[in-house]
N, C-alpha and C. Protein backbone atom coordinates (compact mmCIF):
# COMPACT_ATOMS: atom_id res chain seq x y z
N UNK A 1 0.85 -1.18 0.00
CA UNK A 1 0.00 0.00 0.00
C UNK A 1 0.88 1.24 0.00
N UNK A 2 0.55 2.19 -0.83
CA UNK A 2 1.26 3.45 -0.88
C UNK A 2 0.60 4.46 0.03
N UNK A 3 1.39 5.37 0.53
CA UNK A 3 0.85 6.41 1.40
C UNK A 3 1.55 6.42 2.74
N UNK A 4 0.98 7.12 3.65
CA UNK A 4 1.56 7.19 4.98
C UNK A 4 0.51 6.71 6.00
N UNK A 5 1.05 6.25 7.15
CA UNK A 5 0.14 5.80 8.21
C UNK A 5 -0.44 7.05 8.86
N UNK A 6 -1.77 7.02 9.03
CA UNK A 6 -2.47 8.16 9.61
C UNK A 6 -3.47 7.62 10.65
N UNK A 7 -3.66 8.41 11.66
CA UNK A 7 -4.66 8.08 12.69
C UNK A 7 -5.46 9.35 13.03
N UNK A 8 -6.73 9.16 13.27
CA UNK A 8 -7.57 10.31 13.60
C UNK A 8 -8.70 9.82 14.49
N UNK A 9 -9.00 10.55 15.55
CA UNK A 9 -10.08 10.27 16.43
C UNK A 9 -10.88 11.53 16.60
N UNK A 10 -12.17 11.47 16.34
CA UNK A 10 -13.04 12.62 16.49
C UNK A 10 -14.30 12.21 17.25
N UNK A 11 -14.73 13.07 18.15
CA UNK A 11 -15.98 12.85 18.88
C UNK A 11 -16.72 14.19 18.89
N UNK A 12 -18.00 14.14 18.52
CA UNK A 12 -18.78 15.38 18.50
C UNK A 12 -20.14 15.09 19.12
N UNK A 13 -20.74 16.16 19.62
CA UNK A 13 -22.09 16.11 20.12
C UNK A 13 -23.04 16.31 18.96
N UNK A 14 -24.16 15.61 19.02
CA UNK A 14 -25.19 15.74 17.98
C UNK A 14 -26.54 15.75 18.66
N UNK A 15 -27.45 16.52 18.07
CA UNK A 15 -28.80 16.55 18.56
C UNK A 15 -29.56 15.37 18.00
N UNK A 16 -29.17 14.16 18.41
CA UNK A 16 -29.77 12.93 17.88
C UNK A 16 -29.76 11.86 18.95
N UNK A 17 -30.77 11.06 18.92
CA UNK A 17 -30.87 9.94 19.90
C UNK A 17 -29.93 8.83 19.50
N UNK A 18 -29.69 7.95 20.46
CA UNK A 18 -28.84 6.78 20.22
C UNK A 18 -29.46 5.95 19.06
N UNK A 19 -30.76 5.75 19.05
CA UNK A 19 -31.42 4.99 18.02
C UNK A 19 -31.28 5.63 16.62
N UNK A 20 -31.40 6.93 16.57
CA UNK A 20 -31.24 7.63 15.29
C UNK A 20 -29.82 7.49 14.75
N UNK A 21 -28.82 7.59 15.65
CA UNK A 21 -27.45 7.39 15.23
C UNK A 21 -27.21 5.96 14.76
N UNK A 22 -27.73 4.99 15.47
CA UNK A 22 -27.54 3.58 15.07
C UNK A 22 -28.14 3.36 13.68
N UNK A 23 -29.34 3.88 13.45
CA UNK A 23 -30.00 3.71 12.14
C UNK A 23 -29.20 4.37 11.04
N UNK A 24 -28.72 5.57 11.26
CA UNK A 24 -27.98 6.33 10.27
C UNK A 24 -26.66 5.61 9.90
N UNK A 25 -26.09 4.92 10.86
CA UNK A 25 -24.79 4.28 10.65
C UNK A 25 -24.90 2.83 10.17
N UNK A 26 -26.05 2.20 10.32
CA UNK A 26 -26.15 0.78 9.96
C UNK A 26 -27.19 0.46 8.88
N UNK A 27 -28.04 1.38 8.49
CA UNK A 27 -29.05 1.12 7.49
C UNK A 27 -28.61 1.71 6.15
N UNK A 28 -28.52 0.84 5.14
CA UNK A 28 -27.97 1.30 3.87
C UNK A 28 -28.73 2.45 3.22
N UNK A 29 -30.05 2.47 3.38
CA UNK A 29 -30.83 3.57 2.77
C UNK A 29 -30.38 4.92 3.33
N UNK A 30 -30.09 4.96 4.64
CA UNK A 30 -29.64 6.21 5.26
C UNK A 30 -28.17 6.48 4.96
N UNK A 31 -27.33 5.43 4.96
CA UNK A 31 -25.91 5.60 4.63
C UNK A 31 -25.76 6.22 3.25
N UNK A 32 -26.51 5.72 2.29
CA UNK A 32 -26.44 6.26 0.90
C UNK A 32 -26.83 7.76 0.86
N UNK A 33 -27.75 8.16 1.72
CA UNK A 33 -28.16 9.56 1.74
C UNK A 33 -27.12 10.50 2.33
N UNK A 34 -26.62 10.16 3.53
CA UNK A 34 -25.74 11.13 4.19
C UNK A 34 -24.32 11.08 3.71
N UNK A 35 -23.95 9.98 3.03
CA UNK A 35 -22.57 9.90 2.46
C UNK A 35 -22.53 10.29 0.99
N UNK A 36 -23.68 10.70 0.41
CA UNK A 36 -23.64 11.18 -0.94
C UNK A 36 -22.65 12.32 -1.08
N UNK A 37 -21.83 12.41 -2.06
CA UNK A 37 -21.78 11.78 -3.38
C UNK A 37 -20.99 10.46 -3.41
N UNK A 38 -20.58 9.97 -2.27
CA UNK A 38 -19.90 8.65 -2.26
C UNK A 38 -20.90 7.62 -2.79
N UNK A 39 -20.46 6.68 -3.61
CA UNK A 39 -21.33 5.66 -4.15
C UNK A 39 -20.93 4.28 -3.59
N UNK A 40 -21.86 3.34 -3.67
CA UNK A 40 -21.66 2.03 -3.07
C UNK A 40 -22.01 0.92 -4.05
N UNK A 41 -21.37 -0.21 -3.87
CA UNK A 41 -21.66 -1.39 -4.68
C UNK A 41 -23.08 -1.85 -4.41
N UNK A 42 -23.64 -2.62 -5.34
CA UNK A 42 -25.01 -3.06 -5.24
C UNK A 42 -25.20 -4.06 -4.09
N UNK A 43 -24.12 -4.67 -3.59
CA UNK A 43 -24.25 -5.70 -2.54
C UNK A 43 -24.28 -5.09 -1.14
N UNK A 44 -24.47 -3.81 -1.00
CA UNK A 44 -24.61 -3.21 0.32
C UNK A 44 -25.97 -3.69 0.88
N UNK A 45 -25.94 -4.42 2.01
CA UNK A 45 -27.20 -4.97 2.53
C UNK A 45 -28.08 -3.86 3.13
N UNK A 46 -29.35 -4.23 3.34
CA UNK A 46 -30.32 -3.29 3.92
C UNK A 46 -29.84 -2.82 5.30
N UNK A 47 -29.32 -3.77 6.11
CA UNK A 47 -28.76 -3.43 7.42
C UNK A 47 -27.38 -4.12 7.49
N UNK A 48 -26.39 -3.38 7.92
CA UNK A 48 -25.04 -3.92 7.99
C UNK A 48 -24.96 -5.01 9.07
N UNK A 49 -24.32 -6.11 8.72
CA UNK A 49 -24.11 -7.22 9.64
C UNK A 49 -22.67 -7.67 9.51
N UNK A 50 -22.09 -8.25 10.60
CA UNK A 50 -20.72 -8.73 10.52
C UNK A 50 -20.53 -9.70 9.36
N UNK A 51 -19.38 -9.58 8.71
CA UNK A 51 -19.05 -10.46 7.61
C UNK A 51 -19.38 -9.89 6.24
N UNK A 52 -20.20 -8.86 6.19
CA UNK A 52 -20.56 -8.27 4.90
C UNK A 52 -19.32 -7.57 4.32
N UNK A 53 -19.16 -7.68 3.01
CA UNK A 53 -18.08 -6.98 2.28
C UNK A 53 -18.77 -6.19 1.16
N UNK A 54 -18.42 -4.92 1.09
CA UNK A 54 -18.95 -4.07 0.00
C UNK A 54 -17.87 -3.04 -0.35
N UNK A 55 -18.11 -2.37 -1.45
CA UNK A 55 -17.16 -1.39 -1.98
C UNK A 55 -17.82 0.00 -2.07
N UNK A 56 -17.06 1.00 -1.78
CA UNK A 56 -17.53 2.38 -1.99
C UNK A 56 -16.51 3.12 -2.86
N UNK A 57 -16.97 4.15 -3.52
CA UNK A 57 -16.11 4.98 -4.33
C UNK A 57 -16.36 6.45 -4.00
N UNK A 58 -15.28 7.17 -3.84
CA UNK A 58 -15.35 8.62 -3.75
C UNK A 58 -14.57 9.12 -4.96
N UNK A 59 -15.33 9.46 -5.99
CA UNK A 59 -14.66 9.77 -7.26
C UNK A 59 -14.04 8.50 -7.81
N UNK A 60 -12.76 8.53 -8.06
CA UNK A 60 -12.05 7.41 -8.64
C UNK A 60 -11.42 6.49 -7.58
N UNK A 61 -11.52 6.90 -6.31
CA UNK A 61 -10.89 6.14 -5.23
C UNK A 61 -11.84 5.04 -4.73
N UNK A 62 -11.39 3.81 -4.82
CA UNK A 62 -12.17 2.64 -4.40
C UNK A 62 -11.72 2.20 -3.02
N UNK A 63 -12.71 1.98 -2.12
CA UNK A 63 -12.43 1.51 -0.77
C UNK A 63 -13.29 0.29 -0.50
N UNK A 64 -12.63 -0.83 -0.15
CA UNK A 64 -13.38 -2.01 0.20
C UNK A 64 -13.60 -2.02 1.71
N UNK A 65 -14.81 -2.35 2.12
CA UNK A 65 -15.21 -2.38 3.55
C UNK A 65 -15.59 -3.83 3.91
N UNK A 66 -14.99 -4.31 4.98
CA UNK A 66 -15.41 -5.60 5.52
C UNK A 66 -16.00 -5.25 6.92
N UNK A 67 -17.29 -5.54 7.10
CA UNK A 67 -17.95 -5.24 8.36
C UNK A 67 -17.46 -6.24 9.39
N UNK A 68 -16.74 -5.77 10.37
CA UNK A 68 -16.11 -6.62 11.37
C UNK A 68 -17.01 -6.77 12.62
N UNK A 69 -17.55 -5.65 13.11
CA UNK A 69 -18.36 -5.65 14.33
C UNK A 69 -19.57 -4.73 14.12
N UNK A 70 -20.73 -5.22 14.55
CA UNK A 70 -21.94 -4.40 14.62
C UNK A 70 -22.63 -4.81 15.93
N UNK A 71 -22.82 -3.83 16.82
CA UNK A 71 -23.64 -4.11 18.00
C UNK A 71 -24.40 -2.84 18.36
N UNK A 72 -24.97 -2.78 19.50
CA UNK A 72 -25.86 -1.67 19.90
C UNK A 72 -25.20 -0.29 19.82
N UNK A 73 -23.87 -0.21 20.02
CA UNK A 73 -23.22 1.09 20.06
C UNK A 73 -21.88 1.14 19.31
N UNK A 74 -21.60 0.11 18.51
CA UNK A 74 -20.29 0.08 17.82
C UNK A 74 -20.47 -0.52 16.41
N UNK A 75 -19.71 0.07 15.49
CA UNK A 75 -19.62 -0.43 14.13
C UNK A 75 -18.15 -0.34 13.74
N UNK A 76 -17.57 -1.42 13.25
CA UNK A 76 -16.15 -1.40 12.82
C UNK A 76 -15.99 -2.02 11.49
N UNK A 77 -15.28 -1.28 10.60
CA UNK A 77 -14.94 -1.78 9.27
C UNK A 77 -13.45 -2.01 9.19
N UNK A 78 -13.07 -3.10 8.50
CA UNK A 78 -11.71 -3.30 8.09
C UNK A 78 -11.66 -2.79 6.64
N UNK A 79 -10.74 -1.89 6.36
CA UNK A 79 -10.69 -1.22 5.07
C UNK A 79 -9.50 -1.69 4.24
N UNK A 80 -9.69 -1.77 2.91
CA UNK A 80 -8.59 -2.08 2.03
C UNK A 80 -8.78 -1.31 0.71
N UNK A 81 -7.79 -1.40 -0.13
CA UNK A 81 -7.68 -0.71 -1.40
C UNK A 81 -7.26 0.73 -1.18
N UNK A 82 -8.16 1.72 -1.26
CA UNK A 82 -7.76 3.13 -1.12
C UNK A 82 -7.31 3.50 0.27
N UNK A 83 -7.72 2.73 1.24
CA UNK A 83 -7.29 2.88 2.64
C UNK A 83 -7.03 1.48 3.17
N UNK A 84 -5.86 1.28 3.70
CA UNK A 84 -5.53 -0.02 4.30
C UNK A 84 -5.51 0.16 5.82
N UNK A 85 -6.63 -0.21 6.49
CA UNK A 85 -6.72 0.03 7.92
C UNK A 85 -8.09 -0.31 8.46
N UNK A 86 -8.58 0.52 9.35
CA UNK A 86 -9.93 0.30 9.89
C UNK A 86 -10.58 1.62 10.30
N UNK A 87 -11.91 1.56 10.37
CA UNK A 87 -12.67 2.67 10.93
C UNK A 87 -13.66 2.10 11.91
N UNK A 88 -13.72 2.74 13.10
CA UNK A 88 -14.62 2.29 14.13
C UNK A 88 -15.51 3.46 14.55
N UNK A 89 -16.79 3.19 14.59
CA UNK A 89 -17.80 4.14 15.03
C UNK A 89 -18.33 3.71 16.39
N UNK A 90 -18.48 4.65 17.30
CA UNK A 90 -19.14 4.45 18.59
C UNK A 90 -20.14 5.59 18.78
N UNK A 91 -21.27 5.29 19.44
CA UNK A 91 -22.26 6.32 19.65
C UNK A 91 -23.06 6.07 20.89
N UNK A 92 -23.71 7.15 21.32
CA UNK A 92 -24.62 7.10 22.46
C UNK A 92 -25.63 8.23 22.28
N UNK A 93 -26.39 8.50 23.32
CA UNK A 93 -27.39 9.56 23.20
C UNK A 93 -26.67 10.91 23.11
N UNK A 94 -26.87 11.61 22.00
CA UNK A 94 -26.34 12.94 21.74
C UNK A 94 -24.87 13.01 21.38
N UNK A 95 -24.20 11.88 21.08
CA UNK A 95 -22.78 11.95 20.67
C UNK A 95 -22.42 10.81 19.73
N UNK A 96 -21.39 11.05 18.94
CA UNK A 96 -20.85 10.04 18.04
C UNK A 96 -19.34 10.23 18.01
N UNK A 97 -18.64 9.10 17.87
CA UNK A 97 -17.17 9.16 17.81
C UNK A 97 -16.72 8.25 16.66
N UNK A 98 -15.73 8.70 15.96
CA UNK A 98 -15.14 7.94 14.86
C UNK A 98 -13.64 7.83 15.06
N UNK A 99 -13.12 6.65 14.95
CA UNK A 99 -11.67 6.42 15.01
C UNK A 99 -11.26 5.78 13.69
N UNK A 100 -10.28 6.38 13.06
CA UNK A 100 -9.82 5.92 11.74
C UNK A 100 -8.32 5.78 11.78
N UNK A 101 -7.84 4.62 11.35
CA UNK A 101 -6.40 4.38 11.25
C UNK A 101 -6.12 3.67 9.97
N UNK A 102 -5.09 4.09 9.26
CA UNK A 102 -4.77 3.39 8.03
C UNK A 102 -3.65 4.04 7.25
N UNK A 103 -3.22 3.29 6.25
CA UNK A 103 -2.23 3.77 5.32
C UNK A 103 -2.96 4.21 4.06
N UNK A 104 -2.71 5.41 3.62
CA UNK A 104 -3.40 5.93 2.43
C UNK A 104 -2.69 7.16 1.90
N UNK A 105 -2.90 7.45 0.62
CA UNK A 105 -2.45 8.70 0.05
C UNK A 105 -3.47 9.83 0.35
N UNK A 106 -4.70 9.41 0.71
CA UNK A 106 -5.77 10.38 1.00
C UNK A 106 -5.55 11.07 2.35
N UNK A 107 -5.96 12.33 2.52
CA UNK A 107 -5.89 12.98 3.81
C UNK A 107 -7.07 12.49 4.70
N UNK A 108 -6.83 11.44 5.46
CA UNK A 108 -7.92 10.78 6.21
C UNK A 108 -8.58 11.68 7.23
N UNK A 109 -7.84 12.52 7.92
CA UNK A 109 -8.47 13.36 8.93
C UNK A 109 -9.43 14.39 8.31
N UNK A 110 -9.14 14.86 7.14
CA UNK A 110 -10.07 15.80 6.45
C UNK A 110 -11.32 15.05 6.05
N UNK A 111 -11.15 13.89 5.46
CA UNK A 111 -12.32 13.09 5.08
C UNK A 111 -13.18 12.69 6.28
N UNK A 112 -12.55 12.35 7.36
CA UNK A 112 -13.28 11.96 8.57
C UNK A 112 -14.06 13.16 9.11
N UNK A 113 -13.44 14.32 9.13
CA UNK A 113 -14.12 15.53 9.60
C UNK A 113 -15.37 15.84 8.74
N UNK A 114 -15.19 15.75 7.43
CA UNK A 114 -16.34 16.02 6.52
C UNK A 114 -17.43 14.97 6.68
N UNK A 115 -17.07 13.73 6.94
CA UNK A 115 -18.02 12.66 7.14
C UNK A 115 -18.89 12.92 8.38
N UNK A 116 -18.23 13.30 9.46
CA UNK A 116 -19.00 13.59 10.69
C UNK A 116 -19.90 14.84 10.50
N UNK A 117 -19.42 15.80 9.78
CA UNK A 117 -20.24 16.99 9.51
C UNK A 117 -21.44 16.62 8.69
N UNK A 118 -21.26 15.76 7.67
CA UNK A 118 -22.37 15.34 6.83
C UNK A 118 -23.41 14.56 7.65
N UNK A 119 -22.91 13.70 8.56
CA UNK A 119 -23.81 12.94 9.41
C UNK A 119 -24.63 13.88 10.29
N UNK A 120 -23.99 14.86 10.88
CA UNK A 120 -24.68 15.80 11.75
C UNK A 120 -25.73 16.58 10.99
N UNK A 121 -25.43 17.07 9.81
CA UNK A 121 -26.37 17.80 8.99
C UNK A 121 -27.53 16.92 8.60
N UNK A 122 -27.25 15.69 8.21
CA UNK A 122 -28.29 14.74 7.81
C UNK A 122 -29.26 14.49 8.94
N UNK A 123 -28.75 14.24 10.14
CA UNK A 123 -29.61 13.96 11.30
C UNK A 123 -30.43 15.19 11.69
N UNK A 124 -29.86 16.36 11.60
CA UNK A 124 -30.60 17.59 11.88
C UNK A 124 -31.70 17.79 10.86
N UNK A 125 -31.41 17.54 9.62
CA UNK A 125 -32.40 17.65 8.52
C UNK A 125 -33.54 16.65 8.74
N UNK A 126 -33.20 15.40 9.10
CA UNK A 126 -34.25 14.40 9.32
C UNK A 126 -35.12 14.76 10.50
N UNK A 127 -34.50 15.32 11.54
CA UNK A 127 -35.27 15.68 12.73
C UNK A 127 -36.26 16.82 12.39
N UNK A 128 -35.85 17.72 11.52
CA UNK A 128 -36.72 18.85 11.19
C UNK A 128 -37.87 18.40 10.31
N UNK A 129 -37.77 17.26 9.67
CA UNK A 129 -38.85 16.73 8.81
C UNK A 129 -39.97 16.14 9.67
N UNK A 130 -39.65 15.70 10.88
CA UNK A 130 -40.64 15.00 11.68
C UNK A 130 -41.62 15.95 12.33
C-alpha cells in the first residue's frame, strides 16, 4: 500500500438519539443519503451485519469495507484498497465518535471531519422533517 500511516479520532455532540445514530450508521438507505456523493456497490445490505463486504467509491478512489463488528453502540470496518486500515464508530445519546487508522495517500483526517459533519447535517435535517 502506498501512502503514509495516519490516525484520527473525533468525537462530537449531535442533537440525535442513540437509536437515530444507530440507524444512520447501519441502514444502507440512510448511509447512501448522508454519504452522498460517495457511491456504493449493489451488494450493500439493507442493514449492516458482521461479515458483509462491500465497496464504496469517492470519485475514482475505491475503498473495500469488511464489516467486522456491529452491536448496539459500535460499528467497525476493516478497510482495504484506497485505505488499508480500519474505521470504528461508537455512539450514544447525543454523541458520536469515529476512529480511523490506516495507510493511504488520502488525507484521512479531512475526510473523517467532513463525514462527521455530513452525518450531523443529515440527522438535523431528518429531525426537522418529523
